Amino acid sequence: MRPGQVRACHGPLGRLTVVPAHLLGMDATTQVTPTFLTQHELSELLRLPERTLEDWRLTHTGPPYLKLGRHVRYDVQDVLVWVQEHRHG
C-alpha cells in the first residue's frame, strides 16, 4: 500500500473500522491524530465514483467534508458516523 492509504477491518466489537495502513501495528493505547481522506481515497473506501462525492458536496447530502484551501478532505470519523446514520434495516 502507498502512504496515506487506508484499510477497512473489523474492530474488537465486530464493527467495520477504517485504519490507516501505517497504523495497523499500533496497540489500542497509542494516541492517534485525526485521519483525513482525499476524495479519491474515500471513493475507493465507499466503492463509489468520485463524481458521486462531488454531486453530494454540491447538494449537501453526503458525508461532512473540509475545505483546506482548494483541497477537499474527509475526516474518517465523520464519514463513519455519517455512514451509520444512513444505514437502513
N, C-alpha and C. Protein backbone atom coordinates (compact mmCIF):
# COMPACT_ATOMS: atom_id res chain seq x y z
N MET A 1 0.83 -1.19 0.00
CA MET A 1 0.00 0.00 0.00
C MET A 1 0.86 1.25 0.00
N ARG A 2 0.37 2.28 -0.66
CA ARG A 2 1.06 3.56 -0.66
C ARG A 2 0.80 4.29 0.64
N PRO A 3 1.70 5.20 1.05
CA PRO A 3 1.45 6.01 2.24
C PRO A 3 0.14 6.76 2.08
N GLY A 4 -0.62 6.86 3.17
CA GLY A 4 -1.88 7.57 3.14
C GLY A 4 -3.07 6.70 2.79
N GLN A 5 -2.83 5.47 2.37
CA GLN A 5 -3.94 4.59 2.06
C GLN A 5 -4.52 4.03 3.35
N VAL A 6 -5.77 3.62 3.29
CA VAL A 6 -6.45 3.08 4.46
C VAL A 6 -6.92 1.67 4.16
N ARG A 7 -7.14 0.93 5.22
CA ARG A 7 -7.65 -0.43 5.10
C ARG A 7 -8.85 -0.56 6.03
N ALA A 8 -9.93 -1.10 5.53
CA ALA A 8 -11.10 -1.37 6.35
C ALA A 8 -10.91 -2.72 7.00
N CYS A 9 -11.15 -2.79 8.32
CA CYS A 9 -11.03 -4.06 9.02
C CYS A 9 -12.05 -4.07 10.15
N HIS A 10 -12.27 -5.26 10.71
CA HIS A 10 -13.24 -5.39 11.80
C HIS A 10 -12.56 -5.11 13.12
N GLY A 11 -13.17 -4.23 13.92
CA GLY A 11 -12.64 -3.86 15.22
C GLY A 11 -13.00 -4.88 16.28
N PRO A 12 -12.70 -4.57 17.55
CA PRO A 12 -12.92 -5.53 18.64
C PRO A 12 -14.39 -5.88 18.86
N LEU A 13 -15.31 -5.01 18.49
CA LEU A 13 -16.73 -5.28 18.68
C LEU A 13 -17.40 -5.79 17.41
N GLY A 14 -16.59 -6.15 16.43
CA GLY A 14 -17.13 -6.65 15.17
C GLY A 14 -17.55 -5.56 14.20
N ARG A 15 -17.37 -4.31 14.60
CA ARG A 15 -17.73 -3.21 13.72
C ARG A 15 -16.64 -2.97 12.70
N LEU A 16 -17.06 -2.54 11.53
CA LEU A 16 -16.11 -2.22 10.48
C LEU A 16 -15.47 -0.88 10.79
N THR A 17 -14.15 -0.85 10.82
CA THR A 17 -13.43 0.38 11.10
C THR A 17 -12.42 0.62 10.00
N VAL A 18 -11.99 1.86 9.91
CA VAL A 18 -11.00 2.24 8.90
C VAL A 18 -9.70 2.53 9.62
N VAL A 19 -8.63 1.89 9.18
CA VAL A 19 -7.33 2.05 9.80
C VAL A 19 -6.32 2.45 8.74
N PRO A 20 -5.63 3.58 8.94
CA PRO A 20 -4.56 3.91 8.00
C PRO A 20 -3.54 2.77 7.99
N ALA A 21 -3.05 2.43 6.82
CA ALA A 21 -2.17 1.29 6.67
C ALA A 21 -0.94 1.38 7.57
N HIS A 22 -0.42 2.59 7.77
CA HIS A 22 0.79 2.73 8.59
C HIS A 22 0.52 2.59 10.08
N LEU A 23 -0.75 2.50 10.51
CA LEU A 23 -1.09 2.38 11.92
C LEU A 23 -1.53 0.97 12.31
N LEU A 24 -1.53 0.03 11.40
CA LEU A 24 -2.05 -1.31 11.68
C LEU A 24 -1.32 -2.01 12.81
N GLY A 25 -0.04 -1.76 13.01
CA GLY A 25 0.71 -2.45 14.04
C GLY A 25 0.64 -1.79 15.41
N MET A 26 -0.13 -0.70 15.56
CA MET A 26 -0.18 0.03 16.82
C MET A 26 -1.18 -0.61 17.77
N ASP A 27 -0.96 -0.46 19.09
CA ASP A 27 -1.91 -1.00 20.06
C ASP A 27 -2.97 0.03 20.39
N ALA A 28 -3.96 -0.37 21.19
CA ALA A 28 -5.12 0.48 21.48
C ALA A 28 -4.78 1.67 22.36
N THR A 29 -3.64 1.67 23.04
CA THR A 29 -3.29 2.77 23.94
C THR A 29 -2.58 3.91 23.23
N THR A 30 -2.23 3.73 21.98
CA THR A 30 -1.50 4.74 21.23
C THR A 30 -2.43 5.88 20.83
N GLN A 31 -2.00 7.12 21.07
CA GLN A 31 -2.77 8.29 20.65
C GLN A 31 -2.67 8.42 19.14
N VAL A 32 -3.82 8.63 18.49
CA VAL A 32 -3.85 8.76 17.04
C VAL A 32 -4.45 10.11 16.68
N THR A 33 -3.81 10.80 15.78
CA THR A 33 -4.35 12.07 15.32
C THR A 33 -5.43 11.81 14.27
N PRO A 34 -6.32 12.76 14.02
CA PRO A 34 -7.37 12.54 13.01
C PRO A 34 -6.77 12.20 11.65
N THR A 35 -7.46 11.35 10.94
CA THR A 35 -7.03 10.95 9.61
C THR A 35 -7.98 11.56 8.60
N PHE A 36 -7.43 12.23 7.62
CA PHE A 36 -8.22 12.85 6.58
C PHE A 36 -7.99 12.13 5.26
N LEU A 37 -9.08 11.87 4.54
CA LEU A 37 -9.03 11.18 3.27
C LEU A 37 -9.25 12.15 2.13
N THR A 38 -8.62 11.89 1.01
CA THR A 38 -8.89 12.64 -0.20
C THR A 38 -10.19 12.11 -0.82
N GLN A 39 -10.70 12.81 -1.80
CA GLN A 39 -11.90 12.35 -2.50
C GLN A 39 -11.65 10.99 -3.12
N HIS A 40 -10.49 10.81 -3.71
CA HIS A 40 -10.15 9.54 -4.36
C HIS A 40 -10.11 8.40 -3.33
N GLU A 41 -9.48 8.63 -2.18
CA GLU A 41 -9.40 7.59 -1.15
C GLU A 41 -10.79 7.23 -0.62
N LEU A 42 -11.65 8.25 -0.43
CA LEU A 42 -12.99 7.97 0.07
C LEU A 42 -13.82 7.23 -0.97
N SER A 43 -13.65 7.58 -2.23
CA SER A 43 -14.41 6.88 -3.28
C SER A 43 -13.99 5.41 -3.33
N GLU A 44 -12.72 5.12 -3.12
CA GLU A 44 -12.27 3.72 -3.07
C GLU A 44 -12.83 3.01 -1.85
N LEU A 45 -12.83 3.69 -0.71
CA LEU A 45 -13.33 3.10 0.52
C LEU A 45 -14.82 2.76 0.41
N LEU A 46 -15.61 3.71 -0.11
CA LEU A 46 -17.06 3.51 -0.23
C LEU A 46 -17.45 2.78 -1.51
N ARG A 47 -16.47 2.58 -2.40
CA ARG A 47 -16.71 1.93 -3.69
C ARG A 47 -17.77 2.68 -4.48
N LEU A 48 -17.56 4.00 -4.56
CA LEU A 48 -18.44 4.90 -5.30
C LEU A 48 -17.59 5.72 -6.27
N PRO A 49 -18.19 6.16 -7.36
CA PRO A 49 -17.45 7.06 -8.26
C PRO A 49 -17.14 8.39 -7.57
N GLU A 50 -16.02 8.98 -7.91
CA GLU A 50 -15.68 10.29 -7.36
C GLU A 50 -16.74 11.32 -7.71
N ARG A 51 -17.34 11.18 -8.87
CA ARG A 51 -18.38 12.12 -9.31
C ARG A 51 -19.56 12.12 -8.34
N THR A 52 -19.89 10.98 -7.75
CA THR A 52 -20.97 10.91 -6.76
C THR A 52 -20.64 11.77 -5.56
N LEU A 53 -19.40 11.70 -5.09
CA LEU A 53 -18.99 12.53 -3.95
C LEU A 53 -19.07 14.01 -4.30
N GLU A 54 -18.70 14.36 -5.52
CA GLU A 54 -18.80 15.75 -5.97
C GLU A 54 -20.25 16.21 -5.98
N ASP A 55 -21.14 15.36 -6.50
CA ASP A 55 -22.57 15.70 -6.52
C ASP A 55 -23.10 15.87 -5.10
N TRP A 56 -22.72 14.98 -4.20
CA TRP A 56 -23.17 15.07 -2.81
C TRP A 56 -22.70 16.36 -2.16
N ARG A 57 -21.47 16.81 -2.47
CA ARG A 57 -21.00 18.07 -1.90
C ARG A 57 -21.84 19.24 -2.40
N LEU A 58 -22.19 19.22 -3.69
CA LEU A 58 -22.98 20.30 -4.26
C LEU A 58 -24.39 20.35 -3.69
N THR A 59 -24.96 19.18 -3.38
CA THR A 59 -26.33 19.13 -2.86
C THR A 59 -26.39 19.01 -1.34
N HIS A 60 -25.23 19.01 -0.70
CA HIS A 60 -25.14 18.91 0.77
C HIS A 60 -25.85 17.68 1.31
N THR A 61 -25.69 16.54 0.62
CA THR A 61 -26.35 15.31 1.06
C THR A 61 -25.35 14.23 1.48
N GLY A 62 -24.08 14.43 1.24
CA GLY A 62 -23.08 13.40 1.53
C GLY A 62 -22.44 13.59 2.89
N PRO A 63 -21.35 12.87 3.11
CA PRO A 63 -20.64 12.98 4.39
C PRO A 63 -20.02 14.37 4.54
N PRO A 64 -19.83 14.80 5.79
CA PRO A 64 -19.19 16.10 6.03
C PRO A 64 -17.79 16.13 5.43
N TYR A 65 -17.39 17.29 4.98
CA TYR A 65 -16.07 17.45 4.38
C TYR A 65 -15.45 18.76 4.83
N LEU A 66 -14.16 18.88 4.63
CA LEU A 66 -13.42 20.08 4.96
C LEU A 66 -12.82 20.66 3.69
N LYS A 67 -12.79 21.96 3.60
CA LYS A 67 -12.06 22.62 2.52
C LYS A 67 -10.82 23.22 3.15
N LEU A 68 -9.66 22.72 2.76
CA LEU A 68 -8.39 23.25 3.22
C LEU A 68 -7.75 23.93 2.03
N GLY A 69 -8.01 25.23 1.94
CA GLY A 69 -7.62 25.94 0.72
C GLY A 69 -8.50 25.45 -0.40
N ARG A 70 -7.90 24.95 -1.46
CA ARG A 70 -8.69 24.40 -2.57
C ARG A 70 -8.83 22.89 -2.49
N HIS A 71 -8.33 22.30 -1.40
CA HIS A 71 -8.35 20.85 -1.25
C HIS A 71 -9.53 20.41 -0.40
N VAL A 72 -10.19 19.34 -0.83
CA VAL A 72 -11.30 18.75 -0.09
C VAL A 72 -10.77 17.55 0.66
N ARG A 73 -11.10 17.47 1.94
CA ARG A 73 -10.69 16.33 2.76
C ARG A 73 -11.88 15.86 3.58
N TYR A 74 -11.89 14.57 3.87
CA TYR A 74 -12.94 13.95 4.67
C TYR A 74 -12.32 13.35 5.93
N ASP A 75 -12.83 13.73 7.10
CA ASP A 75 -12.38 13.14 8.36
C ASP A 75 -12.98 11.75 8.45
N VAL A 76 -12.15 10.74 8.67
CA VAL A 76 -12.61 9.35 8.70
C VAL A 76 -13.71 9.17 9.75
N GLN A 77 -13.55 9.77 10.92
CA GLN A 77 -14.56 9.61 11.97
C GLN A 77 -15.90 10.21 11.55
N ASP A 78 -15.88 11.37 10.90
CA ASP A 78 -17.12 11.99 10.41
C ASP A 78 -17.80 11.09 9.38
N VAL A 79 -17.00 10.50 8.51
CA VAL A 79 -17.54 9.63 7.46
C VAL A 79 -18.19 8.39 8.09
N LEU A 80 -17.53 7.79 9.08
CA LEU A 80 -18.09 6.60 9.72
C LEU A 80 -19.40 6.91 10.44
N VAL A 81 -19.48 8.07 11.08
CA VAL A 81 -20.73 8.49 11.73
C VAL A 81 -21.81 8.69 10.68
N TRP A 82 -21.47 9.35 9.59
CA TRP A 82 -22.45 9.60 8.52
C TRP A 82 -22.96 8.29 7.94
N VAL A 83 -22.07 7.34 7.73
CA VAL A 83 -22.47 6.03 7.18
C VAL A 83 -23.44 5.35 8.14
N GLN A 84 -23.14 5.37 9.44
CA GLN A 84 -24.03 4.73 10.41
C GLN A 84 -25.41 5.41 10.43
N GLU A 85 -25.44 6.73 10.30
CA GLU A 85 -26.72 7.45 10.31
C GLU A 85 -27.56 7.15 9.08
N HIS A 86 -26.93 6.72 7.98
CA HIS A 86 -27.64 6.46 6.74
C HIS A 86 -27.84 4.96 6.49
N ARG A 87 -27.67 4.19 7.53
CA ARG A 87 -27.84 2.74 7.41
C ARG A 87 -29.33 2.40 7.46
N HIS A 88 -29.73 1.48 6.59
CA HIS A 88 -31.13 1.04 6.55
C HIS A 88 -31.19 -0.40 7.04
N GLY A 89 -32.31 -0.73 7.70
CA GLY A 89 -32.52 -2.12 8.13
C GLY A 89 -32.17 -2.39 9.54
